[in-house]
Protein backbone atom coordinates (compact mmCIF):
# COMPACT_ATOMS: atom_id res chain seq x y z
CA MET A 1 2.11 -33.09 11.54
CA ARG A 2 0.29 -29.82 12.13
CA GLU A 3 0.94 -27.09 14.71
CA GLN A 4 -1.44 -26.42 17.62
CA ILE A 5 -2.68 -22.85 17.90
CA GLY A 6 -2.84 -22.75 21.72
CA LYS A 7 -3.94 -19.09 22.06
CA ARG A 8 -7.03 -17.45 23.59
CA LEU A 9 -9.03 -14.49 22.33
CA VAL A 10 -9.98 -11.27 24.12
CA LYS A 11 -12.97 -9.00 23.42
CA GLU A 12 -11.26 -5.92 21.94
CA LYS A 13 -11.80 -6.33 18.19
CA SER A 14 -14.33 -8.25 16.15
CA LEU A 15 -13.90 -12.00 16.49
CA SER A 16 -12.77 -12.40 12.88
CA GLN A 17 -10.13 -9.66 13.36
CA GLN A 18 -8.89 -11.38 16.51
CA VAL A 19 -8.69 -14.73 14.75
CA TYR A 20 -6.86 -13.05 11.87
CA ASP A 21 -4.29 -11.59 14.30
CA VAL A 22 -3.85 -14.88 16.16
CA LEU A 23 -3.34 -16.81 12.93
CA ARG A 24 -0.84 -14.25 11.61
CA GLN A 25 1.23 -14.63 14.77
CA THR A 26 0.99 -18.41 14.59
CA ILE A 27 2.08 -18.35 10.95
CA MET A 28 5.07 -16.13 11.77
CA GLU A 29 6.35 -18.87 14.08
CA MET A 30 5.95 -21.71 11.56
CA LYS A 31 8.85 -23.59 9.99
CA PRO A 32 9.18 -24.90 6.40
CA ASN A 33 7.22 -28.12 5.81
CA ARG A 34 5.39 -27.55 9.10
CA ASN A 35 3.16 -24.85 7.67
CA LYS A 36 -0.18 -26.59 7.26
CA LEU A 37 -3.02 -24.97 9.18
CA PRO A 38 -5.61 -27.01 11.09
CA SER A 39 -8.99 -27.52 9.47
CA GLU A 40 -11.73 -24.92 9.92
CA GLU A 41 -13.47 -27.24 12.34
CA ASP A 42 -10.36 -27.76 14.47
CA LEU A 43 -9.56 -24.04 14.47
CA ALA A 44 -13.09 -23.24 15.58
CA LYS A 45 -12.82 -25.68 18.48
CA GLU A 46 -9.35 -24.49 19.55
CA LEU A 47 -10.28 -20.80 19.47
CA GLY A 48 -13.84 -21.17 20.70
CA VAL A 49 -15.51 -19.42 17.75
CA SER A 50 -17.79 -20.42 14.90
CA ARG A 51 -16.58 -21.85 11.60
CA ALA A 52 -18.03 -18.75 9.90
CA THR A 53 -15.66 -16.57 11.94
CA ILE A 54 -12.72 -18.81 11.04
CA ARG A 55 -13.72 -18.69 7.38
CA GLU A 56 -13.83 -14.87 7.44
CA ALA A 57 -10.34 -14.62 8.93
CA LEU A 58 -8.96 -17.17 6.46
CA LYS A 59 -10.49 -15.21 3.59
CA TYR A 60 -8.43 -12.13 4.48
CA LEU A 61 -5.27 -14.17 5.00
CA MET A 62 -5.72 -15.55 1.50
CA LEU A 63 -6.35 -12.06 0.08
CA ASP A 64 -3.08 -10.97 1.72
CA ARG A 65 -1.34 -13.89 -0.08
CA VAL A 66 -0.40 -15.33 3.31
CA THR A 67 -2.13 -18.67 2.74
CA THR A 68 -2.86 -21.06 -0.12
CA SER A 69 -5.77 -23.50 -0.06
CA ILE A 70 -5.43 -26.63 -2.19
CA HIS A 71 -8.47 -28.82 -2.71
CA GLY A 72 -7.99 -32.18 -1.03
CA ARG A 73 -4.84 -31.13 0.80
CA GLY A 74 -5.82 -28.22 3.05
CA THR A 75 -4.59 -24.70 3.77
CA PHE A 76 -0.87 -23.92 3.79
CA ALA A 77 0.61 -20.79 5.37
CA HIS A 78 3.58 -18.71 4.13
CA PRO A 79 5.56 -17.06 6.95
CA SER A 80 8.07 -15.76 4.40
CA VAL A 81 5.35 -13.48 2.98
CA LEU A 82 4.85 -11.85 6.38
CA ARG A 83 8.55 -10.97 6.54
CA LEU A 84 8.53 -8.95 3.32
CA GLU A 85 8.94 -5.18 3.57
CA ASN A 86 6.73 -2.56 1.93
CA ARG A 87 4.37 -4.62 -0.18
CA ILE A 88 2.94 -2.32 -2.83
CA ASP A 89 0.38 -4.98 -3.79
CA GLN A 90 -1.07 -4.66 -0.28
CA TYR A 91 -0.84 -0.93 0.51
CA SER A 92 -1.67 1.67 -2.11
CA ASP A 93 -0.94 4.44 0.40
CA PHE A 94 2.82 4.75 0.92
CA GLY A 95 2.48 6.39 4.34
CA GLN A 96 0.37 3.53 5.66
CA MET A 97 2.82 1.04 4.16
CA LEU A 98 5.83 2.68 5.80
CA CYS A 99 4.13 2.83 9.19
CA LYS A 100 4.03 -0.99 9.18
CA HIS A 101 7.84 -1.19 9.27
CA TYR A 102 9.21 2.05 10.72
CA GLN A 103 8.67 3.94 13.97
CA ASP A 104 8.91 7.58 12.86
CA VAL A 105 7.16 8.34 9.55
CA ARG A 106 6.31 11.74 8.14
CA VAL A 107 5.23 13.14 4.78
CA ASP A 108 6.47 16.56 3.66
CA VAL A 109 3.92 17.99 1.20
CA LYS A 110 4.01 21.12 -0.95
CA TRP A 111 1.87 22.30 -3.84
CA ASN A 112 1.38 25.09 -6.34
CA TYR A 113 -0.76 25.82 -9.40
CA LEU A 114 0.45 25.54 -12.99
CA ASP A 115 -1.02 26.45 -16.34
CA ARG A 116 0.02 23.06 -17.69
CA GLY A 117 1.14 19.71 -16.29
CA ASN A 118 3.81 17.34 -17.57
CA GLU A 119 3.56 15.30 -20.77
CA LEU A 120 1.67 12.44 -19.13
CA PHE A 121 -0.82 14.91 -17.67
CA GLN A 122 -1.37 16.46 -21.10
CA GLU A 123 -2.09 13.02 -22.59
CA PHE A 124 -5.14 12.75 -20.31
CA PHE A 125 -6.15 16.38 -19.80
CA GLN A 126 -4.83 18.24 -22.87
CA GLU A 127 -4.67 21.96 -22.00
CA ALA A 128 -6.29 21.71 -18.56
CA GLN A 129 -4.71 23.60 -15.67
CA ALA A 130 -2.90 21.50 -13.12
CA MET A 131 -2.42 21.48 -9.38
CA HIS A 132 1.19 20.43 -8.84
CA THR A 133 2.00 18.68 -5.55
CA TRP A 134 5.15 16.92 -4.41
CA TRP A 135 5.60 14.58 -1.48
CA ILE A 136 8.72 13.36 0.33
CA TYR A 137 8.25 10.31 2.56
CA VAL A 138 10.73 10.16 5.44
CA ALA A 139 10.95 7.17 7.78
CA ASP A 140 13.29 6.84 10.76
CA GLY A 141 15.16 9.93 9.61
CA LEU A 142 15.87 8.70 6.05
CA LYS A 143 14.26 9.86 2.82
CA ARG A 144 12.54 6.86 1.24
CA LEU A 145 10.30 8.08 -1.60
CA TYR A 146 9.80 11.23 -3.65
CA CYS A 147 6.45 11.69 -5.41
CA ARG A 148 5.22 14.44 -7.68
CA TYR A 149 1.66 14.65 -8.87
CA TYR A 150 -0.27 16.75 -11.35
CA LEU A 151 -3.99 16.87 -10.56
CA ASP A 152 -6.72 18.28 -12.78
CA ARG A 153 -7.75 21.63 -11.27
CA GLY A 154 -11.22 21.06 -12.72
CA ALA A 155 -11.66 18.18 -10.26
CA PHE A 156 -11.34 20.53 -7.26
CA ILE A 157 -14.32 22.25 -5.65
CA LYS A 158 -12.33 24.63 -3.41
CA PRO A 159 -8.71 25.81 -3.08
CA LEU A 160 -6.30 24.12 -0.72
CA GLU A 161 -5.41 25.71 2.58
CA GLU A 162 -1.76 26.64 2.99
CA ASP A 163 -1.10 24.48 6.07
CA LEU A 164 -3.49 21.63 5.38
CA PRO A 165 -2.00 18.53 7.14
CA ILE A 166 -2.33 16.14 4.19
CA GLN A 167 -0.99 12.60 4.63
CA SER A 168 -2.54 10.73 1.68
CA LEU A 169 -4.14 11.38 -1.70
CA PRO A 170 -7.58 10.09 -0.61
CA GLN A 171 -7.39 12.52 2.32
CA LEU A 172 -6.53 15.32 -0.12
CA SER A 173 -9.57 14.50 -2.23
CA LYS A 174 -12.06 14.50 0.68
CA GLY A 175 -13.67 17.89 0.98
CA TYR A 176 -11.53 19.46 -1.75
CA MET A 177 -12.37 17.43 -4.87
CA ARG A 178 -15.66 16.53 -6.52
CA GLU A 179 -15.09 12.81 -5.96
CA ASP A 180 -12.77 10.78 -3.75
CA ILE A 181 -9.56 9.45 -5.26
CA ASP A 182 -10.10 5.69 -5.25
CA TYR A 183 -7.24 3.86 -6.99
CA CYS A 184 -4.28 4.24 -9.32
CA SER A 185 -2.72 2.25 -12.13
CA MET A 186 1.07 1.94 -12.05
CA ARG A 187 3.84 1.04 -14.45
CA SER A 188 7.52 0.91 -13.60
CA LYS A 189 10.56 2.16 -15.48
CA ILE A 190 14.12 3.27 -14.83
CA LYS A 191 14.55 7.01 -15.15
CA VAL A 192 17.29 9.59 -14.66
CA ASP A 193 15.74 12.68 -13.11
CA ASP A 194 18.03 15.25 -11.51
CA GLU A 195 15.17 17.04 -9.74
CA ALA A 196 14.12 13.78 -8.06
CA CYS A 197 17.75 13.03 -7.17
CA GLY A 198 18.04 16.42 -5.50
CA GLN A 199 14.86 15.87 -3.47
CA LEU A 200 16.12 12.46 -2.31
CA GLY A 201 19.59 13.81 -1.52
CA ILE A 202 21.53 11.62 -3.94
CA PRO A 203 23.92 12.57 -6.78
CA GLY A 204 22.42 13.86 -10.00
CA GLY A 205 22.45 11.43 -12.91
CA THR A 206 21.60 8.45 -10.69
CA SER A 207 19.23 5.98 -12.35
CA LEU A 208 16.10 5.61 -10.24
CA LEU A 209 13.23 3.17 -10.15
CA CYS A 210 10.17 5.23 -11.08
CA TRP A 211 6.52 4.23 -10.76
CA GLU A 212 4.36 6.17 -13.22
CA GLU A 213 0.79 6.52 -11.93
CA VAL A 214 -2.61 7.50 -13.24
CA LEU A 215 -5.07 8.41 -10.47
CA TYR A 216 -8.80 7.64 -10.75
CA ASP A 217 -11.80 8.70 -8.69
CA VAL A 218 -14.71 6.49 -7.60
CA GLY A 219 -16.49 7.30 -10.85
CA ASP A 220 -13.54 5.77 -12.75
CA GLN A 221 -12.57 9.15 -14.15
CA PRO A 222 -8.85 10.06 -14.32
CA VAL A 223 -8.14 13.02 -12.05
CA GLY A 224 -4.37 13.22 -12.17
CA VAL A 225 -1.03 11.59 -12.86
CA GLY A 226 2.12 11.10 -10.85
CA GLU A 227 5.66 9.79 -10.64
CA VAL A 228 7.04 7.99 -7.59
CA PHE A 229 10.84 7.79 -7.29
CA VAL A 230 12.40 5.18 -5.00
CA HIS A 231 15.58 5.91 -3.06
CA PRO A 232 18.03 3.24 -4.32
CA GLU A 233 19.56 2.56 -0.90
CA ASN A 234 16.98 3.56 1.71
CA MET A 235 13.88 1.90 0.30
CA VAL A 236 12.93 -1.70 -0.48
CA MET A 237 9.58 -2.46 -2.13
CA SER A 238 8.04 -5.92 -2.49
CA VAL A 239 5.29 -7.59 -4.50
CA VAL A 240 3.67 -10.98 -3.89
CA THR A 241 2.02 -12.86 -6.74
CA ARG A 242 0.50 -16.32 -6.73
CA PHE A 243 0.75 -19.03 -9.37
CA GLU A 244 -2.54 -20.54 -10.49
CA TRP A 245 -3.27 -24.13 -9.49
């Protein structure tokens, strides 16, 4: 037995965005074994939109890992996925990710210039000069993440202003670097780092989850490296993966 949607749309966003929002809310209210969505045709009739609009909204729900479509059986929704906190497979920008779950989010950013970066930086850039920047993400008054980055100074086209209100790496790259920062590769490890412990306000010698990053621009050139340290008590991070059918 399937659930009825029973909601109307208003003309504030695109139709596919509205359908996406309506379906997300409907999915949040679903119970186990009552999580099958109506067909595209039925959804189109209930919401008064075209099947193409329904298909567009369903595409983004599937990309978010919120639904699974099985040939011959239909589309099944996963409300448990929507309850997960801080999905790093969905938000590459930590500030944007935190804003989804907390009311008061800020990023404290500092930077300086170095003759050399850390060992990972030297693997990619040898003797290049580095721009060193460190970020502390605070949400609802608690420190959640500490990040330090080493960016290739050769990738910059002008120096940074002292009080530049930077909130993300792509924002940093716009207007200051030759190309926009587009994506990063990440690998996780456990690391003891007293400097990171001090920045997060926890005892030195504490083992921390650390994400090691390599940053790439839109031309697929590496432009920097970084380390992201997770506060062991204040921060939960989630990943959703799907098994192949």
